[in-house]
Amino acid sequence: QALQERGCRSEEQFREVLREIEAEVQRRKQLIHQSVERRAIISKCYKPKHPEVYTLQDSFLAPEFLEIERFCTSPGADLQGLLSYLESFSDKRIYRLPVFTEEFCQAFVDELENFEQSDMPKGRPNTMNNYGVLLNELGMDEPFLTPLRERLGPITALLYPELGGACLDSHKAFVVKYSLHQDLDLSSHYDNAEVTLNVSLGKEFTEGNLYFGDFNQDPSPVPKYIEVEHVCGRGLLHRGGQIHGALPIASGERWNLVVWLRASAVRNRLCPMCGREPELVEAEGFGDGFTEPPGQEEEPPPTVSVCAL
């Protein structure tokens, strides 16, 4: 029925679509193995220009982020108190907060450009972004991204309790790049994540605002949306199921760090992409954030009534 609704009528059309689907399934099954091979080559052969940026340090974080972190880990921290530190957009639970210093952003982008110009093998973030870097292949997961995810935990616990904000236990992180002769924009979509962090890293650019539509609906078209400008060093937190995209860039070059934050306690019960109970296969690394507890089911994550808050 789904294929018929998309124009399939003849048996040959059905067979052709099924061949394409099978080819895509096989391609995706190979992605993780290809990524492991690339990471091994990069680890052995690539010489970083700024090795210090590979390990998260307090000096990389904006003073305001450290202040927010202190509040969220203090006794009596609550949602209303946290919201006084953040910039909110409409009623869509999209929040902007300072994350990195400008100095770190400049050094990080310089390192990424150095990698892009090298002859190292490169995987791309996803099927929609053709330019950018998978940060796990650069070896940044454990020393940089895991600590960042853990430090975001007290913040997301207050903002998104029903999405497992207090138990985000894995991630996928990548940097996307937009410029005039490469990717210009990004069509509407939602993320394979419970919560997404999107941080503007620079460089100089005009236009290219992010836009946000409804939550967890058909991503195309987006009849009503709000626009949010990029601010260097500042990040946007939003629900992974929030429909969003990027408008075309008009000049310059834009780099963004995107971290898909995942809670296995939530997604083990319901895949955020297909809406069904997941059927799991073995995978290396985080395996898209799904886990299979040995011999017993996990306890459901704690939930809080947002209306009560």
Foldseek 3Di string as FASTA:
>chain_A
DVVVVVPDDDPVSVVVVVVVVVVVVVVVVCVQVVLVVLLVCCVVPPDFPCVVLLADDPLFFDPLLVVLLVLLPDPPRALVVSVVSWDDDDPQLKTKHFTGDLVSLVSVVVRQVVVVPDPGDADADDPFAPDWGFVVSNVRVPRHVQVVLVSCLSVQCRSPVVLVSNAQDDKTKIKGKDADVGHFKGAKDFAQAQKKKKAWSDDDFDAFWKWWAAFQDDLPPGPDIDTDHHDHRMIMMGGRRIIMMTDGIDHDMTMMMMMGTHGQLPCCQARSPPGHNDDDDDDPDCRSVHDDDPPDRDDHGDHDPPVVD
